[in-house]
Amino acid sequence: MKGLVWILILGAVGYFGYTKYVKPLTSEEKEVQAVENKFDAAVEEYLQAVRQAGGLGMASISDADAAIGKVRSTKDALLNLKRRLKDEAAIQKANDLEAKMRNFYSKNELIWF
């Protein structure tokens, strides 16, 4: 009897863990995740360009400008995506990503327009 109780408890914990952490993403959540991956790549490119800007030159300035352009395009993509999202989980992920983007903009003194 004791073993049966432990099996039921482990089953419940396993089910909760699966639904909370492993369940497959919806198509809208995948779209938000794709935008987030593009944003993270653009941020990394921007940070790399800023690090290289220590050696003054026009090429390093244009690298940073190109990276900022990519960051802004991901912001536009997110805002367009948010307009058509219907899934509550995807909307929450999009709001979290927007907060992350706004934080990046404020830390790097970029204007959110």
N, C-alpha and C. Protein backbone atom coordinates (compact mmCIF):
# COMPACT_ATOMS: atom_id res chain seq x y z
N MET A 1 0.82 -1.19 0.00
CA MET A 1 0.00 0.00 0.00
C MET A 1 0.87 1.27 0.00
N LYS A 2 1.94 1.22 0.80
CA LYS A 2 2.84 2.36 0.88
C LYS A 2 3.48 2.63 -0.49
N GLY A 3 3.84 1.56 -1.19
CA GLY A 3 4.44 1.69 -2.52
C GLY A 3 3.48 2.30 -3.51
N LEU A 4 2.21 1.94 -3.42
CA LEU A 4 1.20 2.49 -4.32
C LEU A 4 1.04 4.00 -4.11
N VAL A 5 1.08 4.43 -2.86
CA VAL A 5 0.98 5.86 -2.56
C VAL A 5 2.17 6.61 -3.17
N TRP A 6 3.36 6.05 -3.04
CA TRP A 6 4.55 6.70 -3.61
C TRP A 6 4.48 6.74 -5.13
N ILE A 7 3.95 5.70 -5.74
CA ILE A 7 3.81 5.69 -7.20
C ILE A 7 2.84 6.79 -7.64
N LEU A 8 1.73 6.93 -6.92
CA LEU A 8 0.77 7.99 -7.25
C LEU A 8 1.37 9.39 -7.06
N ILE A 9 2.13 9.56 -5.99
CA ILE A 9 2.77 10.86 -5.74
C ILE A 9 3.79 11.16 -6.84
N LEU A 10 4.62 10.19 -7.17
CA LEU A 10 5.62 10.40 -8.22
C LEU A 10 4.95 10.65 -9.57
N GLY A 11 3.85 9.96 -9.83
CA GLY A 11 3.11 10.19 -11.07
C GLY A 11 2.57 11.60 -11.15
N ALA A 12 2.02 12.08 -10.02
CA ALA A 12 1.48 13.44 -9.99
C ALA A 12 2.59 14.47 -10.18
N VAL A 13 3.71 14.25 -9.51
CA VAL A 13 4.84 15.17 -9.65
C VAL A 13 5.37 15.15 -11.08
N GLY A 14 5.45 13.98 -11.67
CA GLY A 14 5.91 13.86 -13.06
C GLY A 14 4.98 14.56 -14.03
N TYR A 15 3.69 14.38 -13.84
CA TYR A 15 2.71 15.04 -14.70
C TYR A 15 2.81 16.56 -14.57
N PHE A 16 2.90 17.04 -13.32
CA PHE A 16 3.03 18.49 -13.10
C PHE A 16 4.30 19.01 -13.76
N GLY A 17 5.40 18.30 -13.59
CA GLY A 17 6.66 18.73 -14.20
C GLY A 17 6.58 18.76 -15.71
N TYR A 18 5.93 17.77 -16.29
CA TYR A 18 5.80 17.73 -17.75
C TYR A 18 4.96 18.89 -18.25
N THR A 19 3.79 19.12 -17.64
CA THR A 19 2.92 20.18 -18.12
C THR A 19 3.50 21.56 -17.87
N LYS A 20 4.31 21.69 -16.83
CA LYS A 20 4.88 23.00 -16.50
C LYS A 20 6.14 23.31 -17.30
N TYR A 21 7.00 22.31 -17.52
CA TYR A 21 8.32 22.58 -18.09
C TYR A 21 8.60 21.92 -19.44
N VAL A 22 7.92 20.86 -19.79
CA VAL A 22 8.32 20.10 -20.97
C VAL A 22 7.28 20.16 -22.08
N LYS A 23 6.06 20.58 -21.79
CA LYS A 23 5.01 20.51 -22.79
C LYS A 23 5.40 21.28 -24.04
N PRO A 24 4.96 20.81 -25.18
CA PRO A 24 5.32 21.49 -26.43
C PRO A 24 4.70 22.89 -26.52
N LEU A 25 5.41 23.76 -27.19
CA LEU A 25 4.95 25.14 -27.35
C LEU A 25 3.89 25.21 -28.45
N THR A 26 2.97 26.15 -28.32
CA THR A 26 2.00 26.40 -29.38
C THR A 26 2.71 27.13 -30.51
N SER A 27 2.04 27.22 -31.64
CA SER A 27 2.66 27.90 -32.79
C SER A 27 2.90 29.38 -32.48
N GLU A 28 2.01 30.01 -31.73
CA GLU A 28 2.21 31.42 -31.38
C GLU A 28 3.38 31.57 -30.42
N GLU A 29 3.52 30.64 -29.47
CA GLU A 29 4.67 30.70 -28.56
C GLU A 29 5.97 30.50 -29.32
N LYS A 30 5.94 29.65 -30.34
CA LYS A 30 7.14 29.44 -31.15
C LYS A 30 7.50 30.71 -31.93
N GLU A 31 6.49 31.44 -32.38
CA GLU A 31 6.76 32.69 -33.09
C GLU A 31 7.40 33.71 -32.15
N VAL A 32 6.89 33.80 -30.93
CA VAL A 32 7.46 34.73 -29.95
C VAL A 32 8.90 34.31 -29.64
N GLN A 33 9.12 33.01 -29.50
CA GLN A 33 10.45 32.50 -29.21
C GLN A 33 11.41 32.82 -30.36
N ALA A 34 10.93 32.73 -31.59
CA ALA A 34 11.78 33.06 -32.74
C ALA A 34 12.19 34.53 -32.72
N VAL A 35 11.25 35.42 -32.39
CA VAL A 35 11.57 36.84 -32.28
C VAL A 35 12.57 37.08 -31.16
N GLU A 36 12.37 36.36 -30.04
CA GLU A 36 13.30 36.51 -28.92
C GLU A 36 14.70 36.04 -29.30
N ASN A 37 14.80 34.95 -30.05
CA ASN A 37 16.12 34.48 -30.49
C ASN A 37 16.79 35.50 -31.40
N LYS A 38 16.00 36.12 -32.30
CA LYS A 38 16.57 37.16 -33.17
C LYS A 38 17.02 38.37 -32.36
N PHE A 39 16.22 38.73 -31.36
CA PHE A 39 16.59 39.86 -30.50
C PHE A 39 17.88 39.56 -29.74
N ASP A 40 17.98 38.36 -29.18
CA ASP A 40 19.20 38.00 -28.44
C ASP A 40 20.42 38.02 -29.35
N ALA A 41 20.28 37.55 -30.58
CA ALA A 41 21.39 37.58 -31.53
C ALA A 41 21.78 39.02 -31.88
N ALA A 42 20.77 39.88 -32.07
CA ALA A 42 21.05 41.28 -32.39
C ALA A 42 21.72 41.99 -31.22
N VAL A 43 21.28 41.68 -30.00
CA VAL A 43 21.90 42.28 -28.82
C VAL A 43 23.35 41.84 -28.71
N GLU A 44 23.61 40.56 -28.93
CA GLU A 44 24.99 40.06 -28.88
C GLU A 44 25.86 40.74 -29.94
N GLU A 45 25.30 40.93 -31.12
CA GLU A 45 26.03 41.63 -32.18
C GLU A 45 26.31 43.08 -31.79
N TYR A 46 25.33 43.73 -31.16
CA TYR A 46 25.51 45.10 -30.70
C TYR A 46 26.60 45.18 -29.64
N LEU A 47 26.55 44.29 -28.68
CA LEU A 47 27.55 44.30 -27.61
C LEU A 47 28.95 44.04 -28.15
N GLN A 48 29.04 43.16 -29.12
CA GLN A 48 30.34 42.88 -29.73
C GLN A 48 30.85 44.12 -30.48
N ALA A 49 29.96 44.81 -31.18
CA ALA A 49 30.36 46.02 -31.90
C ALA A 49 30.79 47.12 -30.93
N VAL A 50 30.11 47.22 -29.79
CA VAL A 50 30.48 48.23 -28.79
C VAL A 50 31.85 47.91 -28.21
N ARG A 51 32.11 46.63 -27.97
CA ARG A 51 33.42 46.24 -27.44
C ARG A 51 34.53 46.58 -28.43
N GLN A 52 34.25 46.38 -29.71
CA GLN A 52 35.26 46.64 -30.73
C GLN A 52 35.41 48.12 -31.02
N ALA A 53 34.48 48.92 -30.57
CA ALA A 53 34.53 50.35 -30.84
C ALA A 53 35.65 51.04 -30.07
N GLY A 54 36.34 50.32 -29.19
CA GLY A 54 37.49 50.88 -28.48
C GLY A 54 38.55 51.35 -29.44
N GLY A 55 38.72 50.63 -30.55
CA GLY A 55 39.63 51.08 -31.59
C GLY A 55 38.84 51.96 -32.53
N LEU A 56 38.89 53.25 -32.32
CA LEU A 56 38.05 54.19 -33.05
C LEU A 56 38.18 54.00 -34.55
N GLY A 57 37.06 54.10 -35.20
CA GLY A 57 37.05 54.00 -36.65
C GLY A 57 35.63 53.98 -37.17
N MET A 58 35.48 54.32 -38.41
CA MET A 58 34.15 54.37 -39.01
C MET A 58 33.53 52.98 -39.13
N ALA A 59 34.33 51.96 -39.36
CA ALA A 59 33.79 50.61 -39.51
C ALA A 59 33.12 50.15 -38.23
N SER A 60 33.72 50.47 -37.09
CA SER A 60 33.13 50.04 -35.82
C SER A 60 31.83 50.79 -35.54
N ILE A 61 31.74 52.03 -35.94
CA ILE A 61 30.51 52.79 -35.75
C ILE A 61 29.41 52.23 -36.62
N SER A 62 29.72 51.89 -37.85
CA SER A 62 28.69 51.34 -38.73
C SER A 62 28.24 49.96 -38.27
N ASP A 63 29.15 49.17 -37.64
CA ASP A 63 28.76 47.87 -37.09
C ASP A 63 27.72 48.05 -35.99
N ALA A 64 27.94 49.02 -35.12
CA ALA A 64 26.99 49.28 -34.04
C ALA A 64 25.66 49.77 -34.59
N ASP A 65 25.70 50.63 -35.60
CA ASP A 65 24.47 51.13 -36.21
C ASP A 65 23.69 50.00 -36.88
N ALA A 66 24.39 49.09 -37.53
CA ALA A 66 23.72 47.94 -38.16
C ALA A 66 23.08 47.05 -37.09
N ALA A 67 23.76 46.85 -35.99
CA ALA A 67 23.22 46.02 -34.91
C ALA A 67 22.00 46.69 -34.28
N ILE A 68 22.05 48.02 -34.11
CA ILE A 68 20.89 48.74 -33.57
C ILE A 68 19.72 48.62 -34.53
N GLY A 69 19.99 48.65 -35.81
CA GLY A 69 18.93 48.46 -36.80
C GLY A 69 18.27 47.10 -36.66
N LYS A 70 19.07 46.07 -36.39
CA LYS A 70 18.51 44.73 -36.20
C LYS A 70 17.69 44.67 -34.92
N VAL A 71 18.15 45.32 -33.86
CA VAL A 71 17.39 45.36 -32.60
C VAL A 71 16.05 46.04 -32.84
N ARG A 72 16.06 47.15 -33.57
CA ARG A 72 14.81 47.87 -33.84
C ARG A 72 13.88 47.05 -34.72
N SER A 73 14.43 46.30 -35.66
CA SER A 73 13.55 45.48 -36.51
C SER A 73 12.91 44.34 -35.71
N THR A 74 13.63 43.81 -34.72
CA THR A 74 13.00 42.77 -33.88
C THR A 74 11.92 43.38 -33.00
N LYS A 75 12.12 44.63 -32.57
CA LYS A 75 11.08 45.32 -31.79
C LYS A 75 9.83 45.49 -32.63
N ASP A 76 10.01 45.91 -33.88
CA ASP A 76 8.87 46.08 -34.78
C ASP A 76 8.17 44.74 -35.04
N ALA A 77 8.97 43.69 -35.20
CA ALA A 77 8.39 42.36 -35.43
C ALA A 77 7.58 41.91 -34.23
N LEU A 78 8.07 42.18 -33.03
CA LEU A 78 7.34 41.81 -31.82
C LEU A 78 6.04 42.58 -31.71
N LEU A 79 6.08 43.88 -31.95
CA LEU A 79 4.87 44.69 -31.84
C LEU A 79 3.82 44.25 -32.85
N ASN A 80 4.25 43.90 -34.06
CA ASN A 80 3.32 43.39 -35.07
C ASN A 80 2.75 42.04 -34.66
N LEU A 81 3.60 41.20 -34.09
CA LEU A 81 3.16 39.89 -33.65
C LEU A 81 2.18 39.99 -32.49
N LYS A 82 2.42 40.91 -31.57
CA LYS A 82 1.53 41.07 -30.41
C LYS A 82 0.11 41.44 -30.83
N ARG A 83 -0.03 42.15 -31.93
CA ARG A 83 -1.36 42.57 -32.38
C ARG A 83 -2.24 41.39 -32.77
N ARG A 84 -1.63 40.29 -33.20
CA ARG A 84 -2.43 39.18 -33.69
C ARG A 84 -2.40 37.94 -32.79
N LEU A 85 -1.74 38.04 -31.65
CA LEU A 85 -1.70 36.90 -30.74
C LEU A 85 -3.04 36.70 -30.05
N LYS A 86 -3.42 35.43 -29.87
CA LYS A 86 -4.66 35.10 -29.19
C LYS A 86 -4.42 34.19 -27.99
N ASP A 87 -3.37 33.40 -28.03
CA ASP A 87 -3.04 32.46 -26.96
C ASP A 87 -2.51 33.23 -25.75
N GLU A 88 -3.10 32.99 -24.59
CA GLU A 88 -2.73 33.73 -23.37
C GLU A 88 -1.27 33.52 -22.99
N ALA A 89 -0.77 32.30 -23.12
CA ALA A 89 0.63 32.02 -22.79
C ALA A 89 1.56 32.77 -23.73
N ALA A 90 1.22 32.83 -25.01
CA ALA A 90 2.04 33.55 -25.99
C ALA A 90 2.01 35.05 -25.72
N ILE A 91 0.85 35.56 -25.33
CA ILE A 91 0.74 36.98 -25.00
C ILE A 91 1.63 37.31 -23.81
N GLN A 92 1.64 36.44 -22.81
CA GLN A 92 2.48 36.66 -21.63
C GLN A 92 3.96 36.63 -22.01
N LYS A 93 4.35 35.66 -22.85
CA LYS A 93 5.75 35.60 -23.30
C LYS A 93 6.13 36.85 -24.09
N ALA A 94 5.20 37.33 -24.91
CA ALA A 94 5.46 38.54 -25.70
C ALA A 94 5.60 39.75 -24.78
N ASN A 95 4.77 39.84 -23.75
CA ASN A 95 4.89 40.95 -22.81
C ASN A 95 6.21 40.89 -22.05
N ASP A 96 6.63 39.68 -21.68
CA ASP A 96 7.93 39.54 -21.01
C ASP A 96 9.07 39.96 -21.92
N LEU A 97 8.97 39.57 -23.20
CA LEU A 97 10.01 39.95 -24.16
C LEU A 97 10.01 41.46 -24.38
N GLU A 98 8.84 42.08 -24.43
CA GLU A 98 8.78 43.53 -24.60
C GLU A 98 9.44 44.23 -23.40
N ALA A 99 9.20 43.71 -22.20
CA ALA A 99 9.84 44.30 -21.01
C ALA A 99 11.36 44.15 -21.10
N LYS A 100 11.82 43.01 -21.59
CA LYS A 100 13.26 42.78 -21.77
C LYS A 100 13.83 43.77 -22.79
N MET A 101 13.09 43.99 -23.88
CA MET A 101 13.53 44.94 -24.90
C MET A 101 13.56 46.37 -24.35
N ARG A 102 12.53 46.75 -23.62
CA ARG A 102 12.49 48.10 -23.05
C ARG A 102 13.66 48.31 -22.09
N ASN A 103 13.99 47.29 -21.33
CA ASN A 103 15.13 47.36 -20.42
C ASN A 103 16.43 47.57 -21.20
N PHE A 104 16.60 46.84 -22.30
CA PHE A 104 17.79 47.00 -23.14
C PHE A 104 17.85 48.43 -23.68
N TYR A 105 16.71 48.92 -24.16
CA TYR A 105 16.68 50.27 -24.72
C TYR A 105 17.06 51.30 -23.67
N SER A 106 16.51 51.17 -22.47
CA SER A 106 16.81 52.18 -21.45
C SER A 106 18.26 52.10 -20.98
N LYS A 107 18.81 50.90 -20.85
CA LYS A 107 20.21 50.77 -20.41
C LYS A 107 21.19 51.30 -21.44
N ASN A 108 20.82 51.22 -22.71
CA ASN A 108 21.72 51.67 -23.77
C ASN A 108 21.33 53.02 -24.34
N GLU A 109 20.44 53.71 -23.62
CA GLU A 109 20.02 55.06 -23.97
C GLU A 109 19.51 55.17 -25.41
N LEU A 110 18.73 54.17 -25.79
CA LEU A 110 18.07 54.18 -27.09
C LEU A 110 16.63 54.64 -26.88
N ILE A 111 16.05 55.23 -27.90
CA ILE A 111 14.68 55.75 -27.79
C ILE A 111 13.71 54.71 -28.29
N TRP A 112 12.72 54.40 -27.45
CA TRP A 112 11.67 53.46 -27.82
C TRP A 112 10.58 54.26 -28.51
N PHE A 113 10.49 54.12 -29.83
CA PHE A 113 9.46 54.86 -30.57
C PHE A 113 8.68 53.96 -31.43
